[in-house]
Amino acid sequence: QVQLVESGGGLVQTGGSLRLSCAASGRSFSGDTMGWFRQPPGKEREFVAVILWNNFDTAYADSVKGRFTISRDKSKNTLYLQMNSLKPEDTAVYYCAATAKNFGSSMRFYYATDIYRYWGQGTQVTVSA
């Protein structure tokens, strides 16, 4: 059974840091593009960050650029999101996702939720003011 399981969420003060992990199982995701999305309270799910299958090319939403870093350890089949300088507006449920679709280096195609086949159950991040 293919699974993505997020962990590392929690409650943190403004300016703090958290590191989210997404452990993949059931098959290797080394050839997949993987991303992080989030869903703030009362809002739709939105793109946060993506790392391509080559484990090199990355892209970020403008709202997190310079504060968040996406990375992946293929040997551990695990995706990470380092979140620094957290703000109350970062409060959301964070999801990891994986897709085998390949759009080359046209990063904007990877911002859409509907291209991702596999999703985790989400982890809550709450940033207090």
Foldseek 3Di string as FASTA:
>chain_A
DWAWAKDWADEAAQQAKIKMKIAIDDDQQLQKKKFKWWAAPPGDIWGAKIAHSVQPDMDGDPVQPPFKDWGDDRVRSMIMIIGGRDDQVVWTWMKMFIANDDPDNPCVVVGDPVRTDHMHPTDTHGYHD
